[in-house]
PDB file of N, CA and C in Angstrom:
ATOM      1  N   MET A   1       0.601  -1.240  -0.023  1.00  0.00           N
ATOM      2  CA  MET A   1      -0.086   0.015   0.083  1.00  0.00           C
ATOM      3  C   MET A   1       0.712   1.179  -0.036  1.00  0.00           C
ATOM      4  N   THR A   2       0.324   2.204  -0.367  1.00  0.00           N
ATOM      5  CA  THR A   2       1.339   3.553  -0.971  1.00  0.00           C
ATOM      6  C   THR A   2       0.952   4.519   0.032  1.00  0.00           C
ATOM      7  N   ASP A   3       1.378   5.462   1.053  1.00  0.00           N
ATOM      8  CA  ASP A   3       1.559   6.394   1.658  1.00  0.00           C
ATOM      9  C   ASP A   3       1.294   7.629   0.750  1.00  0.00           C
ATOM     10  N   ILE A   4      -0.124   8.013   1.281  1.00  0.00           N
ATOM     11  CA  ILE A   4       0.204   8.886   0.013  1.00  0.00           C
ATOM     12  C   ILE A   4       0.490  10.308   0.310  1.00  0.00           C
ATOM     13  N   ALA A   5       0.634  10.392   1.726  1.00  0.00           N
ATOM     14  CA  ALA A   5       1.719  11.673   2.024  1.00  0.00           C
ATOM     15  C   ALA A   5       3.308  11.609   1.645  1.00  0.00           C
ATOM     16  N   GLN A   6       3.423  10.339   1.479  1.00  0.00           N
ATOM     17  CA  GLN A   6       4.958  10.951   0.694  1.00  0.00           C
ATOM     18  C   GLN A   6       4.742  10.254  -0.969  1.00  0.00           C
ATOM     19  N   THR A   7       3.666  10.593  -1.205  1.00  0.00           N
ATOM     20  CA  THR A   7       4.048  10.619  -2.713  1.00  0.00           C
ATOM     21  C   THR A   7       3.925  12.378  -3.336  1.00  0.00           C
ATOM     22  N   THR A   8       4.761  11.989  -4.363  1.00  0.00           N
ATOM     23  CA  THR A   8       4.896  13.490  -5.400  1.00  0.00           C
ATOM     24  C   THR A   8       4.182  13.643  -6.458  1.00  0.00           C
ATOM     25  N   VAL A   9       3.797  14.683  -6.742  1.00  0.00           N
ATOM     26  CA  VAL A   9       2.460  14.670  -8.030  1.00  0.00           C
ATOM     27  C   VAL A   9       3.057  15.581  -8.506  1.00  0.00           C
ATOM     28  N   ALA A  10       3.313  16.353 -10.325  1.00  0.00           N
ATOM     29  CA  ALA A  10       3.759  16.897 -10.556  1.00  0.00           C
ATOM     30  C   ALA A  10       2.706  17.089 -12.082  1.00  0.00           C
ATOM     31  N   ILE A  11       3.098  18.328 -12.382  1.00  0.00           N
ATOM     32  CA  ILE A  11       2.516  18.776 -13.467  1.00  0.00           C
ATOM     33  C   ILE A  11       3.312  19.385 -14.569  1.00  0.00           C
ATOM     34  N   HIS A  12       3.261  18.521 -16.061  1.00  0.00           N
ATOM     35  CA  HIS A  12       4.234  19.169 -16.869  1.00  0.00           C
ATOM     36  C   HIS A  12       4.458  20.614 -17.512  1.00  0.00           C
ATOM     37  N   GLN A  13       5.581  21.215 -17.675  1.00  0.00           N
ATOM     38  CA  GLN A  13       5.146  22.563 -18.285  1.00  0.00           C
ATOM     39  C   GLN A  13       4.137  22.376 -19.420  1.00  0.00           C
ATOM     40  N   TRP A  14       4.039  21.594 -20.259  1.00  0.00           N
ATOM     41  CA  TRP A  14       3.549  21.394 -21.184  1.00  0.00           C
ATOM     42  C   TRP A  14       2.120  21.670 -20.972  1.00  0.00           C
ATOM     43  N   ALA A  15       1.472  20.841 -20.074  1.00  0.00           N
ATOM     44  CA  ALA A  15       0.338  20.861 -19.814  1.00  0.00           C
ATOM     45  C   ALA A  15      -0.246  22.022 -19.189  1.00  0.00           C
ATOM     46  N   ILE A  16       0.550  23.134 -18.497  1.00  0.00           N
ATOM     47  CA  ILE A  16       0.563  23.892 -17.603  1.00  0.00           C
ATOM     48  C   ILE A  16       0.283  25.076 -19.133  1.00  0.00           C
ATOM     49  N   HIS A  17       1.323  25.299 -19.619  1.00  0.00           N
ATOM     50  CA  HIS A  17       1.127  26.259 -20.381  1.00  0.00           C
ATOM     51  C   HIS A  17       0.357  26.328 -21.742  1.00  0.00           C
ATOM     52  N   HIS A  18      -0.386  24.984 -21.842  1.00  0.00           N
ATOM     53  CA  HIS A  18      -1.815  24.543 -22.938  1.00  0.00           C
ATOM     54  C   HIS A  18      -3.194  24.858 -21.917  1.00  0.00           C
ATOM     55  N   ASN A  19      -3.020  25.281 -21.093  1.00  0.00           N
ATOM     56  CA  ASN A  19      -3.879  25.467 -20.211  1.00  0.00           C
ATOM     57  C   ASN A  19      -5.088  26.759 -20.718  1.00  0.00           C
ATOM     58  N   GLU A  20      -5.960  26.847 -21.133  1.00  0.00           N
ATOM     59  CA  GLU A  20      -6.918  27.589 -20.942  1.00  0.00           C
ATOM     60  C   GLU A  20      -7.058  29.030 -20.187  1.00  0.00           C
ATOM     61  N   THR A  21      -7.343  28.071 -18.964  1.00  0.00           N
ATOM     62  CA  THR A  21      -7.519  28.989 -17.660  1.00  0.00           C
ATOM     63  C   THR A  21      -6.483  29.896 -18.007  1.00  0.00           C
ATOM     64  N   TYR A  22      -4.966  29.856 -18.161  1.00  0.00           N
ATOM     65  CA  TYR A  22      -4.025  30.553 -18.092  1.00  0.00           C
ATOM     66  C   TYR A  22      -3.287  30.983 -19.450  1.00  0.00           C
ATOM     67  N   PHE A  23      -3.755  30.556 -20.765  1.00  0.00           N
ATOM     68  CA  PHE A  23      -3.583  30.952 -21.987  1.00  0.00           C
ATOM     69  C   PHE A  23      -4.840  31.134 -22.422  1.00  0.00           C
ATOM     70  N   LYS A  24      -5.034  32.416 -22.831  1.00  0.00           N
ATOM     71  CA  LYS A  24      -6.256  32.467 -24.296  1.00  0.00           C
ATOM     72  C   LYS A  24      -5.425  31.681 -25.579  1.00  0.00           C
ATOM     73  N   ASP A  25      -6.366  31.028 -26.180  1.00  0.00           N
ATOM     74  CA  ASP A  25      -5.930  30.153 -27.368  1.00  0.00           C
ATOM     75  C   ASP A  25      -4.641  29.453 -27.238  1.00  0.00           C
ATOM     76  N   PRO A  26      -4.581  28.773 -26.339  1.00  0.00           N
ATOM     77  CA  PRO A  26      -2.874  28.273 -26.363  1.00  0.00           C
ATOM     78  C   PRO A  26      -2.285  27.428 -26.692  1.00  0.00           C
ATOM     79  N   PHE A  27      -2.983  26.868 -28.344  1.00  0.00           N
ATOM     80  CA  PHE A  27      -2.470  26.108 -29.405  1.00  0.00           C
ATOM     81  C   PHE A  27      -2.336  27.167 -30.528  1.00  0.00           C
ATOM     82  N   SER A  28      -2.431  28.094 -30.217  1.00  0.00           N
ATOM     83  CA  SER A  28      -1.403  29.094 -31.176  1.00  0.00           C
ATOM     84  C   SER A  28      -0.535  29.892 -31.480  1.00  0.00           C
ATOM     85  N   PHE A  29       0.203  29.785 -32.452  1.00  0.00           N
ATOM     86  CA  PHE A  29       1.264  30.739 -32.457  1.00  0.00           C
ATOM     87  C   PHE A  29       0.799  32.703 -32.123  1.00  0.00           C
ATOM     88  N   ARG A  30       1.082  33.059 -31.129  1.00  0.00           N
ATOM     89  CA  ARG A  30       0.542  34.205 -30.592  1.00  0.00           C
ATOM     90  C   ARG A  30       1.661  35.022 -29.594  1.00  0.00           C
ATOM     91  N   PRO A  31       2.823  35.115 -29.872  1.00  0.00           N
ATOM     92  CA  PRO A  31       3.494  36.025 -29.222  1.00  0.00           C
ATOM     93  C   PRO A  31       3.056  37.087 -28.952  1.00  0.00           C
ATOM     94  N   GLU A  32       2.251  38.159 -29.511  1.00  0.00           N
ATOM     95  CA  GLU A  32       2.087  39.013 -28.959  1.00  0.00           C
ATOM     96  C   GLU A  32       1.142  39.250 -27.474  1.00  0.00           C
ATOM     97  N   ARG A  33       0.843  37.686 -26.960  1.00  0.00           N
ATOM     98  CA  ARG A  33       0.228  37.265 -25.591  1.00  0.00           C
ATOM     99  C   ARG A  33       1.620  37.898 -24.804  1.00  0.00           C
ATOM    100  N   PHE A  34       2.760  37.844 -24.700  1.00  0.00           N
ATOM    101  CA  PHE A  34       4.049  38.188 -24.318  1.00  0.00           C
ATOM    102  C   PHE A  34       3.995  39.816 -23.876  1.00  0.00           C
ATOM    103  N   LEU A  35       3.661  40.780 -24.546  1.00  0.00           N
ATOM    104  CA  LEU A  35       3.962  41.818 -24.950  1.00  0.00           C
ATOM    105  C   LEU A  35       3.102  42.959 -24.562  1.00  0.00           C
ATOM    106  N   GLY A  36       2.308  42.330 -23.088  1.00  0.00           N
ATOM    107  CA  GLY A  36       1.412  43.399 -22.609  1.00  0.00           C
ATOM    108  C   GLY A  36      -0.125  43.706 -22.812  1.00  0.00           C
ATOM    109  N   ASP A  37      -0.343  42.861 -23.914  1.00  0.00           N
ATOM    110  CA  ASP A  37      -1.786  42.955 -24.258  1.00  0.00           C
ATOM    111  C   ASP A  37      -3.162  42.369 -23.107  1.00  0.00           C
ATOM    112  N   PRO A  38      -3.753  43.553 -22.684  1.00  0.00           N
ATOM    113  CA  PRO A  38      -5.205  43.406 -21.871  1.00  0.00           C
ATOM    114  C   PRO A  38      -5.280  42.029 -22.340  1.00  0.00           C
ATOM    115  N   GLU A  39      -5.786  41.635 -23.556  1.00  0.00           N
ATOM    116  CA  GLU A  39      -6.442  40.624 -24.259  1.00  0.00           C
ATOM    117  C   GLU A  39      -6.070  39.167 -23.592  1.00  0.00           C
ATOM    118  N   PHE A  40      -4.787  39.299 -23.227  1.00  0.00           N
ATOM    119  CA  PHE A  40      -4.452  37.919 -23.058  1.00  0.00           C
ATOM    120  C   PHE A  40      -3.724  37.625 -22.250  1.00  0.00           C
ATOM    121  N   ALA A  41      -3.574  38.699 -21.016  1.00  0.00           N
ATOM    122  CA  ALA A  41      -3.060  38.745 -19.586  1.00  0.00           C
ATOM    123  C   ALA A  41      -3.920  38.175 -19.046  1.00  0.00           C
ATOM    124  N   THR A  42      -3.796  37.158 -17.598  1.00  0.00           N
ATOM    125  CA  THR A  42      -4.231  36.713 -16.892  1.00  0.00           C
ATOM    126  C   THR A  42      -3.851  37.647 -15.189  1.00  0.00           C
ATOM    127  N   ASP A  43      -5.203  37.839 -14.443  1.00  0.00           N
ATOM    128  CA  ASP A  43      -4.554  38.334 -12.940  1.00  0.00           C
ATOM    129  C   ASP A  43      -3.129  37.965 -12.554  1.00  0.00           C
ATOM    130  N   LYS A  44      -2.966  36.739 -12.741  1.00  0.00           N
ATOM    131  CA  LYS A  44      -1.743  36.426 -11.741  1.00  0.00           C
ATOM    132  C   LYS A  44      -0.598  37.153 -12.804  1.00  0.00           C
ATOM    133  N   ARG A  45      -0.448  36.884 -13.987  1.00  0.00           N
ATOM    134  CA  ARG A  45       0.527  37.303 -14.717  1.00  0.00           C
ATOM    135  C   ARG A  45       0.780  38.774 -14.584  1.00  0.00           C
ATOM    136  N   ASP A  46      -0.629  39.811 -14.440  1.00  0.00           N
ATOM    137  CA  ASP A  46      -0.585  40.989 -14.407  1.00  0.00           C
ATOM    138  C   ASP A  46       0.236  41.395 -13.472  1.00  0.00           C
ATOM    139  N   GLU A  47      -0.163  40.506 -12.221  1.00  0.00           N
ATOM    140  CA  GLU A  47       0.764  40.737 -10.635  1.00  0.00           C
ATOM    141  C   GLU A  47       1.876  40.451 -10.542  1.00  0.00           C
ATOM    142  N   ASP A  48       2.562  39.836 -11.469  1.00  0.00           N
ATOM    143  CA  ASP A  48       4.088  39.626 -11.815  1.00  0.00           C
ATOM    144  C   ASP A  48       4.777  40.337 -12.376  1.00  0.00           C
ATOM    145  N   PHE A  49       4.327  40.708 -13.618  1.00  0.00           N
ATOM    146  CA  PHE A  49       5.016  41.854 -14.510  1.00  0.00           C
ATOM    147  C   PHE A  49       4.784  43.382 -13.757  1.00  0.00           C
ATOM    148  N   ALA A  50       3.518  43.172 -12.565  1.00  0.00           N
ATOM    149  CA  ALA A  50       3.498  44.658 -12.150  1.00  0.00           C
ATOM    150  C   ALA A  50       4.283  45.291 -10.983  1.00  0.00           C
ATOM    151  N   ASP A  51       5.199  43.675 -10.887  1.00  0.00           N
ATOM    152  CA  ASP A  51       5.485  44.325  -9.203  1.00  0.00           C
ATOM    153  C   ASP A  51       6.789  45.100  -9.363  1.00  0.00           C
ATOM    154  N   PRO A  52       6.768  46.385  -8.965  1.00  0.00           N
ATOM    155  CA  PRO A  52       8.021  47.263  -9.132  1.00  0.00           C
ATOM    156  C   PRO A  52       9.343  46.616  -7.880  1.00  0.00           C
ATOM    157  N   ASN A  53       8.549  45.992  -7.020  1.00  0.00           N
ATOM    158  CA  ASN A  53       9.908  45.394  -6.175  1.00  0.00           C
ATOM    159  C   ASN A  53      10.956  44.400  -6.853  1.00  0.00           C
ATOM    160  N   ASN A  54      10.282  43.829  -7.856  1.00  0.00           N
ATOM    161  CA  ASN A  54      11.053  42.776  -8.768  1.00  0.00           C
ATOM    162  C   ASN A  54      12.218  43.269  -9.233  1.00  0.00           C
ATOM    163  N   LEU A  55      13.437  43.907  -8.359  1.00  0.00           N
ATOM    164  CA  LEU A  55      14.563  43.761  -9.430  1.00  0.00           C
ATOM    165  C   LEU A  55      15.498  43.117 -10.061  1.00  0.00           C
ATOM    166  N   ALA A  56      15.365  41.694  -9.236  1.00  0.00           N
ATOM    167  CA  ALA A  56      16.523  40.856  -9.771  1.00  0.00           C
ATOM    168  C   ALA A  56      16.671  40.945 -10.992  1.00  0.00           C
ATOM    169  N   TYR A  57      15.396  40.686 -11.694  1.00  0.00           N
ATOM    170  CA  TYR A  57      16.129  40.422 -12.996  1.00  0.00           C
ATOM    171  C   TYR A  57      16.944  41.668 -14.209  1.00  0.00           C
ATOM    172  N   VAL A  58      16.441  42.765 -13.425  1.00  0.00           N
ATOM    173  CA  VAL A  58      17.291  43.820 -13.974  1.00  0.00           C
ATOM    174  C   VAL A  58      18.998  43.743 -13.478  1.00  0.00           C
ATOM    175  N   LYS A  59      18.756  43.255 -12.155  1.00  0.00           N
ATOM    176  CA  LYS A  59      20.187  43.337 -11.450  1.00  0.00           C
ATOM    177  C   LYS A  59      20.952  41.930 -12.068  1.00  0.00           C
ATOM    178  N   MET A  60      20.185  41.123 -12.736  1.00  0.00           N
ATOM    179  CA  MET A  60      21.012  39.826 -13.094  1.00  0.00           C
ATOM    180  C   MET A  60      21.391  40.547 -14.628  1.00  0.00           C
ATOM    181  N   GLN A  61      21.058  41.130 -15.418  1.00  0.00           N
ATOM    182  CA  GLN A  61      20.710  41.249 -16.673  1.00  0.00           C
ATOM    183  C   GLN A  61      22.224  42.218 -16.886  1.00  0.00           C
ATOM    184  N   LEU A  62      22.186  43.286 -15.780  1.00  0.00           N
ATOM    185  CA  LEU A  62      23.144  44.029 -15.576  1.00  0.00           C
ATOM    186  C   LEU A  62      24.656  43.538 -14.880  1.00  0.00           C
ATOM    187  N   ILE A  63      24.737  42.087 -14.352  1.00  0.00           N
ATOM    188  CA  ILE A  63      25.822  41.806 -13.967  1.00  0.00           C
ATOM    189  C   ILE A  63      26.481  41.054 -14.943  1.00  0.00           C
ATOM    190  N   LEU A  64      25.301  40.083 -15.912  1.00  0.00           N
ATOM    191  CA  LEU A  64      25.483  39.328 -17.230  1.00  0.00           C
ATOM    192  C   LEU A  64      26.517  40.001 -18.216  1.00  0.00           C
ATOM    193  N   ALA A  65      25.458  41.758 -18.275  1.00  0.00           N
ATOM    194  CA  ALA A  65      26.292  42.224 -19.543  1.00  0.00           C
ATOM    195  C   ALA A  65      27.727  42.793 -19.263  1.00  0.00           C
ATOM    196  N   HIS A  66      27.963  43.287 -17.572  1.00  0.00           N
ATOM    197  CA  HIS A  66      29.236  43.437 -17.121  1.00  0.00           C
ATOM    198  C   HIS A  66      30.105  42.417 -17.409  1.00  0.00           C
ATOM    199  N   LEU A  67      29.840  40.814 -17.156  1.00  0.00           N
ATOM    200  CA  LEU A  67      30.522  40.157 -17.500  1.00  0.00           C
ATOM    201  C   LEU A  67      30.989  39.736 -18.809  1.00  0.00           C
ATOM    202  N   THR A  68      29.792  39.708 -19.560  1.00  0.00           N
ATOM    203  CA  THR A  68      30.206  39.562 -20.769  1.00  0.00           C
ATOM    204  C   THR A  68      30.883  40.608 -21.681  1.00  0.00           C
ATOM    205  N   TRP A  69      31.004  41.557 -21.190  1.00  0.00           N
ATOM    206  CA  TRP A  69      31.596  43.443 -21.785  1.00  0.00           C
ATOM    207  C   TRP A  69      32.959  43.020 -21.272  1.00  0.00           C
ATOM    208  N   ASN A  70      33.346  42.367 -19.982  1.00  0.00           N
ATOM    209  CA  ASN A  70      34.702  42.879 -19.774  1.00  0.00           C
ATOM    210  C   ASN A  70      35.647  41.305 -19.836  1.00  0.00           C
ATOM    211  N   PHE A  71      34.956  40.701 -20.171  1.00  0.00           N
ATOM    212  CA  PHE A  71      35.519  39.254 -19.961  1.00  0.00           C
ATOM    213  C   PHE A  71      35.417  38.558 -20.772  1.00  0.00           C
ATOM    214  N   ASP A  72      36.802  37.483 -21.544  1.00  0.00           N
ATOM    215  CA  ASP A  72      36.505  36.821 -22.698  1.00  0.00           C
ATOM    216  C   ASP A  72      36.042  35.147 -21.713  1.00  0.00           C
ATOM    217  N   MET A  73      34.918  34.310 -21.541  1.00  0.00           N
ATOM    218  CA  MET A  73      34.803  33.144 -21.406  1.00  0.00           C
ATOM    219  C   MET A  73      35.030  31.935 -22.031  1.00  0.00           C
ATOM    220  N   GLU A  74      35.922  31.196 -20.921  1.00  0.00           N
ATOM    221  CA  GLU A  74      35.879  29.742 -21.511  1.00  0.00           C
ATOM    222  C   GLU A  74      35.360  28.653 -21.410  1.00  0.00           C
ATOM    223  N   LEU A  75      34.367  27.729 -21.278  1.00  0.00           N
ATOM    224  CA  LEU A  75      34.013  26.488 -20.997  1.00  0.00           C
ATOM    225  C   LEU A  75      34.825  25.788 -20.066  1.00  0.00           C
ATOM    226  N   ALA A  76      35.143  25.395 -19.107  1.00  0.00           N
ATOM    227  CA  ALA A  76      36.219  24.560 -18.577  1.00  0.00           C
ATOM    228  C   ALA A  76      35.937  23.114 -18.964  1.00  0.00           C
ATOM    229  N   GLU A  77      37.078  22.336 -18.874  1.00  0.00           N
ATOM    230  CA  GLU A  77      36.876  20.954 -19.459  1.00  0.00           C
ATOM    231  C   GLU A  77      35.856  19.693 -18.669  1.00  0.00           C
ATOM    232  N   GLU A  78      36.269  20.209 -17.495  1.00  0.00           N
ATOM    233  CA  GLU A  78      35.266  19.253 -16.754  1.00  0.00           C
ATOM    234  C   GLU A  78      34.116  19.859 -16.600  1.00  0.00           C
ATOM    235  N   SER A  79      33.118  20.788 -17.635  1.00  0.00           N
ATOM    236  CA  SER A  79      31.812  21.023 -17.563  1.00  0.00           C
ATOM    237  C   SER A  79      31.410  20.704 -19.056  1.00  0.00           C
ATOM    238  N   ARG A  80      32.022  20.135 -19.805  1.00  0.00           N
ATOM    239  CA  ARG A  80      31.970  19.976 -21.377  1.00  0.00           C
ATOM    240  C   ARG A  80      30.726  18.744 -20.825  1.00  0.00           C
ATOM    241  N   GLY A  81      29.612  19.251 -21.796  1.00  0.00           N
ATOM    242  CA  GLY A  81      28.714  18.026 -22.125  1.00  0.00           C
ATOM    243  C   GLY A  81      27.526  18.176 -20.631  1.00  0.00           C
ATOM    244  N   TRP A  82      27.802  19.421 -20.142  1.00  0.00           N
ATOM    245  CA  TRP A  82      27.155  19.672 -18.961  1.00  0.00           C
ATOM    246  C   TRP A  82      25.438  19.461 -19.186  1.00  0.00           C
ATOM    247  N   ALA A  83      25.128  20.216 -20.316  1.00  0.00           N
ATOM    248  CA  ALA A  83      23.664  19.948 -20.681  1.00  0.00           C
ATOM    249  C   ALA A  83      22.995  18.352 -20.395  1.00  0.00           C
ATOM    250  N   GLU A  84      24.024  17.717 -20.909  1.00  0.00           N
ATOM    251  CA  GLU A  84      23.491  16.462 -21.314  1.00  0.00           C
ATOM    252  C   GLU A  84      23.547  15.377 -19.251  1.00  0.00           C
ATOM    253  N   LYS A  85      24.306  16.174 -18.788  1.00  0.00           N
ATOM    254  CA  LYS A  85      24.596  15.606 -17.601  1.00  0.00           C
ATOM    255  C   LYS A  85      23.430  16.148 -16.081  1.00  0.00           C
ATOM    256  N   GLN A  86      22.453  16.793 -16.899  1.00  0.00           N
ATOM    257  CA  GLN A  86      21.710  17.412 -16.004  1.00  0.00           C
ATOM    258  C   GLN A  86      20.355  16.233 -15.704  1.00  0.00           C
ATOM    259  N   LYS A  87      19.998  16.360 -14.631  1.00  0.00           N
ATOM    260  CA  LYS A  87      18.884  15.387 -14.233  1.00  0.00           C
ATOM    261  C   LYS A  87      17.511  16.244 -13.934  1.00  0.00           C
ATOM    262  N   VAL A  88      16.515  16.039 -14.777  1.00  0.00           N
ATOM    263  CA  VAL A  88      15.196  16.449 -14.831  1.00  0.00           C
ATOM    264  C   VAL A  88      14.055  15.984 -13.724  1.00  0.00           C
ATOM    265  N   TYR A  89      13.643  16.419 -12.617  1.00  0.00           N
ATOM    266  CA  TYR A  89      12.247  15.841 -11.907  1.00  0.00           C
ATOM    267  C   TYR A  89      11.243  16.640 -12.646  1.00  0.00           C
ATOM    268  N   ILE A  90      11.193  17.377 -10.955  1.00  0.00           N
ATOM    269  CA  ILE A  90       9.739  18.304 -11.539  1.00  0.00           C
ATOM    270  C   ILE A  90      10.933  19.678 -11.639  1.00  0.00           C
ATOM    271  N   LEU A  91      11.773  20.220 -11.211  1.00  0.00           N
ATOM    272  CA  LEU A  91      12.921  20.979 -11.830  1.00  0.00           C
ATOM    273  C   LEU A  91      14.417  20.164 -11.839  1.00  0.00           C
ATOM    274  N   TRP A  92      15.165  20.981 -12.613  1.00  0.00           N
ATOM    275  CA  TRP A  92      16.118  20.635 -12.931  1.00  0.00           C
ATOM    276  C   TRP A  92      17.368  20.714 -11.524  1.00  0.00           C
ATOM    277  N   GLU A  93      18.010  19.384 -11.457  1.00  0.00           N
ATOM    278  CA  GLU A  93      19.302  19.486 -10.831  1.00  0.00           C
ATOM    279  C   GLU A  93      20.487  19.285 -11.403  1.00  0.00           C
ATOM    280  N   LYS A  94      20.528  20.757 -11.698  1.00  0.00           N
ATOM    281  CA  LYS A  94      22.271  21.340 -12.347  1.00  0.00           C
ATOM    282  C   LYS A  94      22.968  21.412 -11.461  1.00  0.00           C
ATOM    283  N   GLY A  95      24.354  20.735 -11.994  1.00  0.00           N
ATOM    284  CA  GLY A  95      25.156  20.789 -11.466  1.00  0.00           C
ATOM    285  C   GLY A  95      26.433  21.763 -11.729  1.00  0.00           C
ATOM    286  N   PRO A  96      27.473  21.934 -11.465  1.00  0.00           N
ATOM    287  CA  PRO A  96      28.325  23.204 -11.329  1.00  0.00           C
ATOM    288  C   PRO A  96      28.278  23.366 -12.801  1.00  0.00           C
ATOM    289  N   LEU A  97      28.580  24.535 -13.530  1.00  0.00           N
ATOM    290  CA  LEU A  97      29.328  24.996 -14.577  1.00  0.00           C
ATOM    291  C   LEU A  97      30.116  25.487 -14.266  1.00  0.00           C
ATOM    292  N   GLU A  98      31.549  25.399 -14.674  1.00  0.00           N
ATOM    293  CA  GLU A  98      32.502  25.876 -14.759  1.00  0.00           C
ATOM    294  C   GLU A  98      33.355  26.539 -15.621  1.00  0.00           C
ATOM    295  N   VAL A  99      33.659  27.563 -15.500  1.00  0.00           N
ATOM    296  CA  VAL A  99      34.066  28.744 -17.110  1.00  0.00           C
ATOM    297  C   VAL A  99      35.124  29.572 -15.954  1.00  0.00           C
ATOM    298  N   HIS A 100      36.239  29.651 -17.487  1.00  0.00           N
ATOM    299  CA  HIS A 100      37.388  30.224 -17.078  1.00  0.00           C
ATOM    300  C   HIS A 100      37.036  31.386 -17.497  1.00  0.00           C
ATOM    301  N   LEU A 101      37.074  33.062 -16.766  1.00  0.00           N
ATOM    302  CA  LEU A 101      37.428  33.774 -16.657  1.00  0.00           C
ATOM    303  C   LEU A 101      38.542  34.685 -17.240  1.00  0.00           C
ATOM    304  N   SER A 102      39.087  35.202 -18.473  1.00  0.00           N
ATOM    305  CA  SER A 102      40.039  36.071 -18.393  1.00  0.00           C
ATOM    306  C   SER A 102      39.395  37.385 -19.245  1.00  0.00           C
ATOM    307  N   PRO A 103      40.188  39.198 -18.733  1.00  0.00           N
ATOM    308  CA  PRO A 103      40.179  39.806 -19.013  1.00  0.00           C
ATOM    309  C   PRO A 103      40.200  40.645 -20.306  1.00  0.00           C
ATOM    310  N   VAL A 104      39.061  40.826 -20.526  1.00  0.00           N
ATOM    311  CA  VAL A 104      39.042  41.383 -22.189  1.00  0.00           C
ATOM    312  C   VAL A 104      40.477  42.182 -22.770  1.00  0.00           C
ATOM    313  N   GLN A 105      41.121  41.967 -23.823  1.00  0.00           N
ATOM    314  CA  GLN A 105      41.942  42.822 -24.355  1.00  0.00           C
ATOM    315  C   GLN A 105      41.661  43.314 -25.598  1.00  0.00           C
ATOM    316  N   ARG A 106      41.314  44.591 -25.512  1.00  0.00           N
ATOM    317  CA  ARG A 106      41.177  45.757 -26.784  1.00  0.00           C
ATOM    318  C   ARG A 106      42.224  46.478 -26.726  1.00  0.00           C
ATOM    319  N   VAL A 107      41.833  46.688 -28.026  1.00  0.00           N
ATOM    320  CA  VAL A 107      42.753  47.158 -28.428  1.00  0.00           C
ATOM    321  C   VAL A 107      42.681  48.700 -29.504  1.00  0.00           C
TER     322      VAL A 107
END
């Protein structure tokens, strides 16, 4: 007999992304749904997009821009095949991705 309290239930991303509760006309290619058109927005997405306190993404973009402008990056040998080594359950179980940084030499 299975102990229900120890059972994990997961919903695949495809199912939630094709649910009309969250996306109007989910089976058609409609990229405008992500451009803020109220016709396509749901209440939950509106809250997420309108949150002025969520600056994490902006900060991450600035950090990545700084890194890519100032450093040349080379994947470390031990990280080759990194994507193939990841395990996927409900979320990804990602191992370390090691990269060698060297200052950009500009002329």
